[in-house]
Every structure is written in structure tokens, then in C-alpha cells.
PDB file of N, CA and C in Angstrom:
ATOM      1  N   UNK A   1      25.567 -48.575 -75.934  1.00  0.00           N
ATOM      2  CA  UNK A   1      24.787 -47.413 -76.402  1.00  0.00           C
ATOM      3  C   UNK A   1      24.842 -46.982 -77.517  1.00  0.00           C
ATOM      4  N   UNK A   2      24.004 -46.349 -78.106  1.00  0.00           N
ATOM      5  CA  UNK A   2      23.913 -45.692 -79.597  1.00  0.00           C
ATOM      6  C   UNK A   2      24.937 -44.491 -79.591  1.00  0.00           C
ATOM      7  N   UNK A   3      25.373 -44.452 -80.809  1.00  0.00           N
ATOM      8  CA  UNK A   3      26.081 -43.303 -81.108  1.00  0.00           C
ATOM      9  C   UNK A   3      25.766 -43.082 -82.846  1.00  0.00           C
ATOM     10  N   UNK A   4      25.978 -41.659 -82.902  1.00  0.00           N
ATOM     11  CA  UNK A   4      25.420 -41.374 -84.350  1.00  0.00           C
ATOM     12  C   UNK A   4      26.555 -41.220 -85.379  1.00  0.00           C
ATOM     13  N   UNK A   5      27.488 -40.757 -84.897  1.00  0.00           N
ATOM     14  CA  UNK A   5      28.780 -40.558 -86.045  1.00  0.00           C
ATOM     15  C   UNK A   5      30.010 -41.502 -85.771  1.00  0.00           C
ATOM     16  N   UNK A   6      30.446 -41.442 -84.366  1.00  0.00           N
ATOM     17  CA  UNK A   6      31.653 -42.219 -84.254  1.00  0.00           C
ATOM     18  C   UNK A   6      31.692 -42.748 -82.686  1.00  0.00           C
ATOM     19  N   UNK A   7      32.617 -43.700 -82.417  1.00  0.00           N
ATOM     20  CA  UNK A   7      32.922 -43.901 -81.072  1.00  0.00           C
ATOM     21  C   UNK A   7      34.250 -44.108 -80.857  1.00  0.00           C
ATOM     22  N   UNK A   8      34.890 -44.140 -79.920  1.00  0.00           N
ATOM     23  CA  UNK A   8      36.512 -44.297 -79.657  1.00  0.00           C
ATOM     24  C   UNK A   8      36.413 -45.155 -78.378  1.00  0.00           C
ATOM     25  N   UNK A   9      37.177 -46.270 -78.367  1.00  0.00           N
ATOM     26  CA  UNK A   9      37.665 -47.009 -77.500  1.00  0.00           C
ATOM     27  C   UNK A   9      39.069 -46.835 -77.330  1.00  0.00           C
ATOM     28  N   UNK A  10      39.528 -46.381 -75.982  1.00  0.00           N
ATOM     29  CA  UNK A  10      41.161 -46.545 -75.830  1.00  0.00           C
ATOM     30  C   UNK A  10      41.393 -47.269 -74.687  1.00  0.00           C
ATOM     31  N   UNK A  11      42.595 -48.113 -75.027  1.00  0.00           N
ATOM     32  CA  UNK A  11      43.080 -49.009 -73.931  1.00  0.00           C
ATOM     33  C   UNK A  11      44.556 -48.596 -73.613  1.00  0.00           C
ATOM     34  N   UNK A  12      44.800 -48.395 -72.422  1.00  0.00           N
ATOM     35  CA  UNK A  12      46.176 -48.135 -71.862  1.00  0.00           C
ATOM     36  C   UNK A  12      46.873 -48.862 -71.144  1.00  0.00           C
ATOM     37  N   UNK A  13      48.057 -49.224 -71.213  1.00  0.00           N
ATOM     38  CA  UNK A  13      48.738 -49.857 -69.935  1.00  0.00           C
ATOM     39  C   UNK A  13      49.743 -49.107 -69.554  1.00  0.00           C
ATOM     40  N   UNK A  14      49.726 -48.814 -67.913  1.00  0.00           N
ATOM     41  CA  UNK A  14      50.906 -48.193 -67.343  1.00  0.00           C
ATOM     42  C   UNK A  14      52.088 -49.151 -66.929  1.00  0.00           C
ATOM     43  N   UNK A  15      51.887 -50.271 -67.204  1.00  0.00           N
ATOM     44  CA  UNK A  15      52.968 -51.165 -67.104  1.00  0.00           C
ATOM     45  C   UNK A  15      54.203 -51.102 -67.588  1.00  0.00           C
ATOM     46  N   UNK A  16      55.403 -51.110 -67.483  1.00  0.00           N
ATOM     47  CA  UNK A  16      56.506 -50.887 -67.939  1.00  0.00           C
ATOM     48  C   UNK A  16      57.134 -52.071 -69.061  1.00  0.00           C
ATOM     49  N   UNK A  17      56.238 -53.073 -68.760  1.00  0.00           N
ATOM     50  CA  UNK A  17      56.765 -54.377 -69.588  1.00  0.00           C
ATOM     51  C   UNK A  17      55.417 -54.422 -70.772  1.00  0.00           C
ATOM     52  N   UNK A  18      55.947 -55.186 -71.854  1.00  0.00           N
ATOM     53  CA  UNK A  18      54.740 -55.545 -72.957  1.00  0.00           C
ATOM     54  C   UNK A  18      54.038 -56.464 -72.422  1.00  0.00           C
ATOM     55  N   UNK A  19      52.497 -56.376 -72.822  1.00  0.00           N
ATOM     56  CA  UNK A  19      51.532 -57.061 -72.556  1.00  0.00           C
ATOM     57  C   UNK A  19      50.698 -57.734 -73.497  1.00  0.00           C
ATOM     58  N   UNK A  20      50.245 -58.795 -73.656  1.00  0.00           N
ATOM     59  CA  UNK A  20      49.155 -59.521 -74.414  1.00  0.00           C
ATOM     60  C   UNK A  20      47.843 -59.020 -74.280  1.00  0.00           C
ATOM     61  N   UNK A  21      46.941 -58.523 -75.096  1.00  0.00           N
ATOM     62  CA  UNK A  21      45.782 -58.330 -74.940  1.00  0.00           C
ATOM     63  C   UNK A  21      44.581 -58.590 -76.054  1.00  0.00           C
ATOM     64  N   UNK A  22      43.719 -59.227 -75.731  1.00  0.00           N
ATOM     65  CA  UNK A  22      42.804 -59.648 -76.475  1.00  0.00           C
ATOM     66  C   UNK A  22      41.323 -59.064 -76.296  1.00  0.00           C
ATOM     67  N   UNK A  23      40.886 -58.570 -77.200  1.00  0.00           N
ATOM     68  CA  UNK A  23      39.380 -57.936 -77.204  1.00  0.00           C
ATOM     69  C   UNK A  23      38.508 -58.052 -78.549  1.00  0.00           C
ATOM     70  N   UNK A  24      37.239 -57.906 -78.239  1.00  0.00           N
ATOM     71  CA  UNK A  24      36.228 -58.106 -79.184  1.00  0.00           C
ATOM     72  C   UNK A  24      35.203 -56.743 -79.093  1.00  0.00           C
ATOM     73  N   UNK A  25      35.035 -56.204 -80.255  1.00  0.00           N
ATOM     74  CA  UNK A  25      34.011 -54.938 -80.133  1.00  0.00           C
ATOM     75  C   UNK A  25      32.719 -55.340 -81.261  1.00  0.00           C
ATOM     76  N   UNK A  26      31.745 -55.552 -80.561  1.00  0.00           N
ATOM     77  CA  UNK A  26      30.550 -55.760 -81.430  1.00  0.00           C
ATOM     78  C   UNK A  26      29.725 -54.788 -81.633  1.00  0.00           C
ATOM     79  N   UNK A  27      29.231 -54.491 -82.839  1.00  0.00           N
ATOM     80  CA  UNK A  27      28.324 -53.503 -83.154  1.00  0.00           C
ATOM     81  C   UNK A  27      27.331 -54.032 -84.245  1.00  0.00           C
ATOM     82  N   UNK A  28      26.361 -53.135 -84.259  1.00  0.00           N
ATOM     83  CA  UNK A  28      25.127 -53.002 -85.328  1.00  0.00           C
ATOM     84  C   UNK A  28      25.050 -51.647 -86.063  1.00  0.00           C
ATOM     85  N   UNK A  29      25.103 -51.674 -87.325  1.00  0.00           N
ATOM     86  CA  UNK A  29      24.684 -50.570 -88.257  1.00  0.00           C
ATOM     87  C   UNK A  29      23.288 -50.370 -88.057  1.00  0.00           C
ATOM     88  N   UNK A  30      22.610 -49.389 -87.759  1.00  0.00           N
ATOM     89  CA  UNK A  30      21.252 -49.369 -87.722  1.00  0.00           C
ATOM     90  C   UNK A  30      20.837 -47.873 -87.235  1.00  0.00           C
ATOM     91  N   UNK A  31      19.673 -47.522 -87.701  1.00  0.00           N
ATOM     92  CA  UNK A  31      19.084 -46.135 -87.459  1.00  0.00           C
ATOM     93  C   UNK A  31      19.154 -45.867 -85.948  1.00  0.00           C
ATOM     94  N   UNK A  32      19.411 -44.738 -85.507  1.00  0.00           N
ATOM     95  CA  UNK A  32      19.272 -44.243 -83.971  1.00  0.00           C
ATOM     96  C   UNK A  32      18.137 -43.240 -83.840  1.00  0.00           C
ATOM     97  N   UNK A  33      17.006 -43.651 -82.981  1.00  0.00           N
ATOM     98  CA  UNK A  33      15.995 -42.879 -82.731  1.00  0.00           C
ATOM     99  C   UNK A  33      16.528 -41.332 -82.440  1.00  0.00           C
ATOM    100  N   UNK A  34      15.699 -40.457 -82.861  1.00  0.00           N
ATOM    101  CA  UNK A  34      15.947 -39.063 -82.310  1.00  0.00           C
ATOM    102  C   UNK A  34      16.003 -38.860 -80.799  1.00  0.00           C
ATOM    103  N   UNK A  35      15.413 -39.531 -80.101  1.00  0.00           N
ATOM    104  CA  UNK A  35      15.346 -39.356 -78.596  1.00  0.00           C
ATOM    105  C   UNK A  35      16.154 -40.443 -77.810  1.00  0.00           C
ATOM    106  N   UNK A  36      16.679 -41.103 -78.409  1.00  0.00           N
ATOM    107  CA  UNK A  36      17.809 -42.037 -78.046  1.00  0.00           C
ATOM    108  C   UNK A  36      18.866 -41.339 -76.808  1.00  0.00           C
ATOM    109  N   UNK A  37      19.135 -42.207 -75.921  1.00  0.00           N
ATOM    110  CA  UNK A  37      20.068 -41.569 -74.847  1.00  0.00           C
ATOM    111  C   UNK A  37      21.800 -41.763 -75.198  1.00  0.00           C
ATOM    112  N   UNK A  38      22.364 -41.172 -74.937  1.00  0.00           N
ATOM    113  CA  UNK A  38      23.800 -41.459 -74.779  1.00  0.00           C
ATOM    114  C   UNK A  38      24.503 -41.386 -73.572  1.00  0.00           C
ATOM    115  N   UNK A  39      25.738 -42.285 -73.647  1.00  0.00           N
ATOM    116  CA  UNK A  39      26.386 -42.460 -72.540  1.00  0.00           C
ATOM    117  C   UNK A  39      27.538 -41.428 -72.614  1.00  0.00           C
ATOM    118  N   UNK A  40      27.731 -40.926 -71.422  1.00  0.00           N
ATOM    119  CA  UNK A  40      29.032 -39.826 -71.375  1.00  0.00           C
ATOM    120  C   UNK A  40      29.653 -40.352 -69.915  1.00  0.00           C
ATOM    121  N   UNK A  41      31.053 -40.902 -70.359  1.00  0.00           N
ATOM    122  CA  UNK A  41      31.749 -41.375 -69.284  1.00  0.00           C
ATOM    123  C   UNK A  41      33.060 -40.573 -69.102  1.00  0.00           C
ATOM    124  N   UNK A  42      33.430 -40.803 -67.783  1.00  0.00           N
ATOM    125  CA  UNK A  42      34.785 -40.191 -67.324  1.00  0.00           C
ATOM    126  C   UNK A  42      35.834 -41.204 -66.830  1.00  0.00           C
ATOM    127  N   UNK A  43      37.094 -40.981 -66.869  1.00  0.00           N
ATOM    128  CA  UNK A  43      37.952 -41.829 -65.954  1.00  0.00           C
ATOM    129  C   UNK A  43      39.008 -40.749 -65.761  1.00  0.00           C
ATOM    130  N   UNK A  44      39.309 -40.737 -64.437  1.00  0.00           N
ATOM    131  CA  UNK A  44      40.386 -40.155 -63.859  1.00  0.00           C
ATOM    132  C   UNK A  44      41.333 -40.666 -62.744  1.00  0.00           C
ATOM    133  N   UNK A  45      42.468 -40.150 -62.824  1.00  0.00           N
ATOM    134  CA  UNK A  45      43.441 -40.797 -61.794  1.00  0.00           C
ATOM    135  C   UNK A  45      43.954 -39.618 -61.194  1.00  0.00           C
ATOM    136  N   UNK A  46      43.933 -39.593 -59.950  1.00  0.00           N
ATOM    137  CA  UNK A  46      44.587 -38.536 -59.079  1.00  0.00           C
ATOM    138  C   UNK A  46      45.490 -38.985 -57.771  1.00  0.00           C
ATOM    139  N   UNK A  47      46.321 -38.059 -57.345  1.00  0.00           N
ATOM    140  CA  UNK A  47      47.079 -38.419 -56.286  1.00  0.00           C
ATOM    141  C   UNK A  47      46.748 -37.555 -55.202  1.00  0.00           C
ATOM    142  N   UNK A  48      46.363 -38.004 -54.188  1.00  0.00           N
ATOM    143  CA  UNK A  48      45.891 -37.128 -53.108  1.00  0.00           C
ATOM    144  C   UNK A  48      46.921 -37.432 -51.928  1.00  0.00           C
ATOM    145  N   UNK A  49      47.076 -36.277 -50.955  1.00  0.00           N
ATOM    146  CA  UNK A  49      47.991 -36.487 -49.821  1.00  0.00           C
ATOM    147  C   UNK A  49      47.054 -36.270 -48.672  1.00  0.00           C
ATOM    148  N   UNK A  50      47.949 -36.640 -47.274  1.00  0.00           N
ATOM    149  CA  UNK A  50      47.297 -36.587 -46.143  1.00  0.00           C
ATOM    150  C   UNK A  50      46.788 -35.313 -45.723  1.00  0.00           C
ATOM    151  N   UNK A  51      47.492 -34.485 -46.337  1.00  0.00           N
ATOM    152  CA  UNK A  51      47.186 -32.705 -45.878  1.00  0.00           C
ATOM    153  C   UNK A  51      46.029 -32.639 -46.680  1.00  0.00           C
ATOM    154  N   UNK A  52      45.477 -32.980 -47.683  1.00  0.00           N
ATOM    155  CA  UNK A  52      44.318 -32.630 -48.370  1.00  0.00           C
ATOM    156  C   UNK A  52      43.676 -33.992 -49.218  1.00  0.00           C
ATOM    157  N   UNK A  53      43.223 -34.972 -48.395  1.00  0.00           N
ATOM    158  CA  UNK A  53      42.774 -36.083 -48.820  1.00  0.00           C
ATOM    159  C   UNK A  53      41.250 -36.035 -49.549  1.00  0.00           C
ATOM    160  N   UNK A  54      40.666 -34.925 -49.889  1.00  0.00           N
ATOM    161  CA  UNK A  54      39.496 -34.987 -50.436  1.00  0.00           C
ATOM    162  C   UNK A  54      39.537 -35.153 -52.211  1.00  0.00           C
ATOM    163  N   UNK A  55      38.760 -35.955 -52.925  1.00  0.00           N
ATOM    164  CA  UNK A  55      38.810 -36.208 -54.177  1.00  0.00           C
ATOM    165  C   UNK A  55      37.520 -35.995 -54.672  1.00  0.00           C
ATOM    166  N   UNK A  56      37.283 -35.279 -55.495  1.00  0.00           N
ATOM    167  CA  UNK A  56      35.780 -35.013 -56.196  1.00  0.00           C
ATOM    168  C   UNK A  56      35.441 -35.997 -57.184  1.00  0.00           C
ATOM    169  N   UNK A  57      34.291 -36.582 -57.132  1.00  0.00           N
ATOM    170  CA  UNK A  57      34.093 -37.796 -57.839  1.00  0.00           C
ATOM    171  C   UNK A  57      33.275 -37.206 -59.175  1.00  0.00           C
ATOM    172  N   UNK A  58      32.327 -36.005 -59.078  1.00  0.00           N
ATOM    173  CA  UNK A  58      31.440 -35.629 -60.053  1.00  0.00           C
ATOM    174  C   UNK A  58      31.024 -34.160 -59.523  1.00  0.00           C
ATOM    175  N   UNK A  59      31.470 -33.187 -60.379  1.00  0.00           N
ATOM    176  CA  UNK A  59      31.372 -31.921 -60.115  1.00  0.00           C
ATOM    177  C   UNK A  59      30.949 -31.198 -61.391  1.00  0.00           C
ATOM    178  N   UNK A  60      30.108 -29.995 -60.896  1.00  0.00           N
ATOM    179  CA  UNK A  60      29.815 -29.050 -62.017  1.00  0.00           C
ATOM    180  C   UNK A  60      29.063 -29.927 -63.040  1.00  0.00           C
ATOM    181  N   UNK A  61      27.914 -30.814 -62.928  1.00  0.00           N
ATOM    182  CA  UNK A  61      27.167 -31.343 -63.695  1.00  0.00           C
ATOM    183  C   UNK A  61      25.870 -30.528 -64.300  1.00  0.00           C
ATOM    184  N   UNK A  62      25.665 -30.175 -65.297  1.00  0.00           N
ATOM    185  CA  UNK A  62      24.603 -29.570 -65.814  1.00  0.00           C
ATOM    186  C   UNK A  62      23.960 -30.309 -66.678  1.00  0.00           C
ATOM    187  N   UNK A  63      22.469 -29.859 -66.894  1.00  0.00           N
ATOM    188  CA  UNK A  63      21.840 -30.464 -67.769  1.00  0.00           C
ATOM    189  C   UNK A  63      20.805 -31.530 -67.382  1.00  0.00           C
ATOM    190  N   UNK A  64      19.966 -32.367 -68.395  1.00  0.00           N
ATOM    191  CA  UNK A  64      19.306 -33.116 -68.199  1.00  0.00           C
ATOM    192  C   UNK A  64      19.695 -34.577 -68.462  1.00  0.00           C
ATOM    193  N   UNK A  65      19.319 -35.531 -67.868  1.00  0.00           N
ATOM    194  CA  UNK A  65      19.831 -36.864 -67.905  1.00  0.00           C
ATOM    195  C   UNK A  65      19.691 -37.852 -66.754  1.00  0.00           C
ATOM    196  N   UNK A  66      20.232 -38.914 -66.617  1.00  0.00           N
ATOM    197  CA  UNK A  66      20.233 -40.031 -65.677  1.00  0.00           C
ATOM    198  C   UNK A  66      21.631 -40.211 -65.325  1.00  0.00           C
ATOM    199  N   UNK A  67      21.900 -40.009 -63.930  1.00  0.00           N
ATOM    200  CA  UNK A  67      23.015 -40.529 -63.285  1.00  0.00           C
ATOM    201  C   UNK A  67      22.972 -41.842 -63.172  1.00  0.00           C
ATOM    202  N   UNK A  68      23.858 -42.244 -63.606  1.00  0.00           N
ATOM    203  CA  UNK A  68      23.802 -44.390 -63.586  1.00  0.00           C
ATOM    204  C   UNK A  68      24.761 -44.545 -62.520  1.00  0.00           C
ATOM    205  N   UNK A  69      25.813 -44.150 -62.161  1.00  0.00           N
ATOM    206  CA  UNK A  69      26.711 -44.432 -61.080  1.00  0.00           C
ATOM    207  C   UNK A  69      28.032 -44.182 -61.118  1.00  0.00           C
ATOM    208  N   UNK A  70      28.793 -44.637 -60.222  1.00  0.00           N
ATOM    209  CA  UNK A  70      30.447 -44.431 -59.896  1.00  0.00           C
ATOM    210  C   UNK A  70      30.895 -45.562 -59.585  1.00  0.00           C
ATOM    211  N   UNK A  71      32.156 -46.043 -60.207  1.00  0.00           N
ATOM    212  CA  UNK A  71      33.081 -46.969 -59.863  1.00  0.00           C
ATOM    213  C   UNK A  71      33.939 -46.373 -59.284  1.00  0.00           C
ATOM    214  N   UNK A  72      34.534 -46.600 -58.084  1.00  0.00           N
ATOM    215  CA  UNK A  72      35.719 -46.030 -57.488  1.00  0.00           C
ATOM    216  C   UNK A  72      36.670 -46.751 -56.750  1.00  0.00           C
ATOM    217  N   UNK A  73      37.795 -46.939 -57.078  1.00  0.00           N
ATOM    218  CA  UNK A  73      38.973 -47.639 -56.633  1.00  0.00           C
ATOM    219  C   UNK A  73      39.947 -46.933 -56.179  1.00  0.00           C
ATOM    220  N   UNK A  74      40.405 -47.455 -54.858  1.00  0.00           N
ATOM    221  CA  UNK A  74      41.776 -46.938 -54.463  1.00  0.00           C
ATOM    222  C   UNK A  74      42.906 -47.678 -54.857  1.00  0.00           C
ATOM    223  N   UNK A  75      43.802 -47.391 -55.301  1.00  0.00           N
ATOM    224  CA  UNK A  75      45.277 -48.130 -55.452  1.00  0.00           C
ATOM    225  C   UNK A  75      46.426 -47.278 -54.691  1.00  0.00           C
ATOM    226  N   UNK A  76      47.207 -48.075 -54.121  1.00  0.00           N
ATOM    227  CA  UNK A  76      48.305 -47.573 -53.580  1.00  0.00           C
ATOM    228  C   UNK A  76      49.456 -47.427 -54.640  1.00  0.00           C
ATOM    229  N   UNK A  77      49.754 -46.252 -55.365  1.00  0.00           N
ATOM    230  CA  UNK A  77      50.534 -46.287 -56.304  1.00  0.00           C
ATOM    231  C   UNK A  77      52.231 -45.821 -55.911  1.00  0.00           C
ATOM    232  N   UNK A  78      52.133 -45.843 -54.462  1.00  0.00           N
ATOM    233  CA  UNK A  78      53.351 -45.297 -53.890  1.00  0.00           C
ATOM    234  C   UNK A  78      53.687 -46.217 -52.644  1.00  0.00           C
ATOM    235  N   UNK A  79      54.827 -46.027 -52.254  1.00  0.00           N
ATOM    236  CA  UNK A  79      55.197 -47.032 -50.986  1.00  0.00           C
ATOM    237  C   UNK A  79      54.606 -46.295 -49.691  1.00  0.00           C
ATOM    238  N   UNK A  80      54.000 -45.214 -49.663  1.00  0.00           N
ATOM    239  CA  UNK A  80      53.394 -44.792 -48.382  1.00  0.00           C
ATOM    240  C   UNK A  80      52.696 -45.973 -47.975  1.00  0.00           C
ATOM    241  N   UNK A  81      52.635 -45.960 -46.325  1.00  0.00           N
ATOM    242  CA  UNK A  81      51.963 -46.810 -45.556  1.00  0.00           C
ATOM    243  C   UNK A  81      50.565 -46.417 -45.263  1.00  0.00           C
ATOM    244  N   UNK A  82      49.677 -46.503 -46.383  1.00  0.00           N
ATOM    245  CA  UNK A  82      48.468 -45.839 -46.294  1.00  0.00           C
ATOM    246  C   UNK A  82      47.445 -46.949 -46.848  1.00  0.00           C
ATOM    247  N   UNK A  83      46.374 -47.626 -46.198  1.00  0.00           N
ATOM    248  CA  UNK A  83      45.820 -48.730 -46.927  1.00  0.00           C
ATOM    249  C   UNK A  83      44.178 -48.298 -47.526  1.00  0.00           C
ATOM    250  N   UNK A  84      44.298 -47.023 -47.787  1.00  0.00           N
ATOM    251  CA  UNK A  84      43.135 -46.687 -48.498  1.00  0.00           C
ATOM    252  C   UNK A  84      41.597 -46.455 -47.962  1.00  0.00           C
ATOM    253  N   UNK A  85      41.584 -46.396 -46.606  1.00  0.00           N
ATOM    254  CA  UNK A  85      40.372 -46.388 -45.801  1.00  0.00           C
ATOM    255  C   UNK A  85      40.011 -44.792 -45.769  1.00  0.00           C
ATOM    256  N   UNK A  86      38.422 -44.643 -46.121  1.00  0.00           N
ATOM    257  CA  UNK A  86      37.925 -43.417 -45.989  1.00  0.00           C
ATOM    258  C   UNK A  86      36.425 -43.405 -46.341  1.00  0.00           C
ATOM    259  N   UNK A  87      35.614 -42.302 -46.320  1.00  0.00           N
ATOM    260  CA  UNK A  87      34.425 -42.264 -46.366  1.00  0.00           C
ATOM    261  C   UNK A  87      33.793 -41.693 -47.528  1.00  0.00           C
ATOM    262  N   UNK A  88      32.818 -41.682 -48.053  1.00  0.00           N
ATOM    263  CA  UNK A  88      32.350 -40.898 -49.324  1.00  0.00           C
ATOM    264  C   UNK A  88      31.196 -40.027 -48.771  1.00  0.00           C
ATOM    265  N   UNK A  89      31.283 -38.615 -49.187  1.00  0.00           N
ATOM    266  CA  UNK A  89      30.442 -37.791 -48.837  1.00  0.00           C
ATOM    267  C   UNK A  89      29.792 -37.184 -49.975  1.00  0.00           C
ATOM    268  N   UNK A  90      28.185 -37.163 -50.051  1.00  0.00           N
ATOM    269  CA  UNK A  90      27.529 -36.837 -51.284  1.00  0.00           C
ATOM    270  C   UNK A  90      26.956 -35.534 -51.021  1.00  0.00           C
ATOM    271  N   UNK A  91      27.370 -34.457 -51.521  1.00  0.00           N
ATOM    272  CA  UNK A  91      26.766 -33.240 -51.493  1.00  0.00           C
ATOM    273  C   UNK A  91      25.876 -32.938 -52.766  1.00  0.00           C
ATOM    274  N   UNK A  92      24.649 -32.693 -52.433  1.00  0.00           N
ATOM    275  CA  UNK A  92      23.471 -32.612 -53.365  1.00  0.00           C
ATOM    276  C   UNK A  92      22.945 -31.129 -53.640  1.00  0.00           C
ATOM    277  N   UNK A  93      22.640 -30.475 -54.687  1.00  0.00           N
ATOM    278  CA  UNK A  93      22.245 -29.270 -55.052  1.00  0.00           C
ATOM    279  C   UNK A  93      22.041 -28.407 -53.654  1.00  0.00           C
ATOM    280  N   UNK A  94      22.789 -27.718 -53.339  1.00  0.00           N
ATOM    281  CA  UNK A  94      22.528 -26.740 -52.246  1.00  0.00           C
ATOM    282  C   UNK A  94      23.317 -26.832 -50.944  1.00  0.00           C
ATOM    283  N   UNK A  95      23.610 -28.135 -50.935  1.00  0.00           N
ATOM    284  CA  UNK A  95      24.623 -28.653 -49.657  1.00  0.00           C
ATOM    285  C   UNK A  95      25.687 -27.718 -49.673  1.00  0.00           C
ATOM    286  N   UNK A  96      26.015 -27.529 -48.408  1.00  0.00           N
ATOM    287  CA  UNK A  96      27.106 -26.573 -48.016  1.00  0.00           C
ATOM    288  C   UNK A  96      28.090 -27.136 -47.005  1.00  0.00           C
ATOM    289  N   UNK A  97      27.723 -26.967 -45.842  1.00  0.00           N
ATOM    290  CA  UNK A  97      28.573 -27.440 -44.747  1.00  0.00           C
ATOM    291  C   UNK A  97      28.448 -28.977 -44.606  1.00  0.00           C
ATOM    292  N   UNK A  98      27.493 -29.702 -44.636  1.00  0.00           N
ATOM    293  CA  UNK A  98      27.093 -31.072 -44.366  1.00  0.00           C
ATOM    294  C   UNK A  98      26.537 -31.306 -45.638  1.00  0.00           C
ATOM    295  N   UNK A  99      26.955 -32.883 -45.968  1.00  0.00           N
ATOM    296  CA  UNK A  99      26.525 -33.616 -47.108  1.00  0.00           C
ATOM    297  C   UNK A  99      25.055 -34.084 -47.107  1.00  0.00           C
ATOM    298  N   UNK A 100      24.471 -34.387 -48.024  1.00  0.00           N
ATOM    299  CA  UNK A 100      23.338 -35.113 -47.877  1.00  0.00           C
ATOM    300  C   UNK A 100      23.486 -36.454 -47.374  1.00  0.00           C
ATOM    301  N   UNK A 101      24.170 -37.190 -47.860  1.00  0.00           N
ATOM    302  CA  UNK A 101      24.842 -38.558 -47.504  1.00  0.00           C
ATOM    303  C   UNK A 101      26.087 -38.673 -46.968  1.00  0.00           C
TER     304      UNK A 101
END
């Protein structure tokens, strides 16, 4: 994806021990057209519980653009005996009680 001024790549490990990491970033310095699109990405981690298992994936998005998608992964970060089953509900503009999907 193009960027005009800068880009930042951050890599974090939550492991307690040291890890070896190899990476490569390839780029080209060139003019970016005025109408070029930009990538806006988010990464979140949250702990939910059985009393309130809902997790919001995409909320309060405004403006024009194209929604490319979501990658969602459940990981058991505790010893609780829950294996991560659930359903995804998609509420779209104006949905209230029931989701579109």
C-alpha cells in the first residue's frame, strides 16, 4: 500500500523467552498519485467472559472507502475450559435488535 510520509511496522512477542526473528521489508520510492487509496488496519486483543461474551469487531466507522475484511482468531489465554465456539453477528446501518447476517 502506498504511503506519502512514513510507515511503521511494529513486531511484539508476548512470550517470556527470547525468540529469533527474521524479516524483510521491500519498498520502492516513487510518486503516489493524489487519488491513491490507503490501508487503515487495527489489531486488538480482549478478554471476554461468559457473562458478557460479545466482542465488537468493527464499530463506529465513518467516511468513504472499501471494507476489505476481518481476520478473527480465538486463543485460549487462560486455563478456563472453553474451546472458543460462537457465532458472528453482523449489524449493518440501522440494524437494531436483529443483525443483517
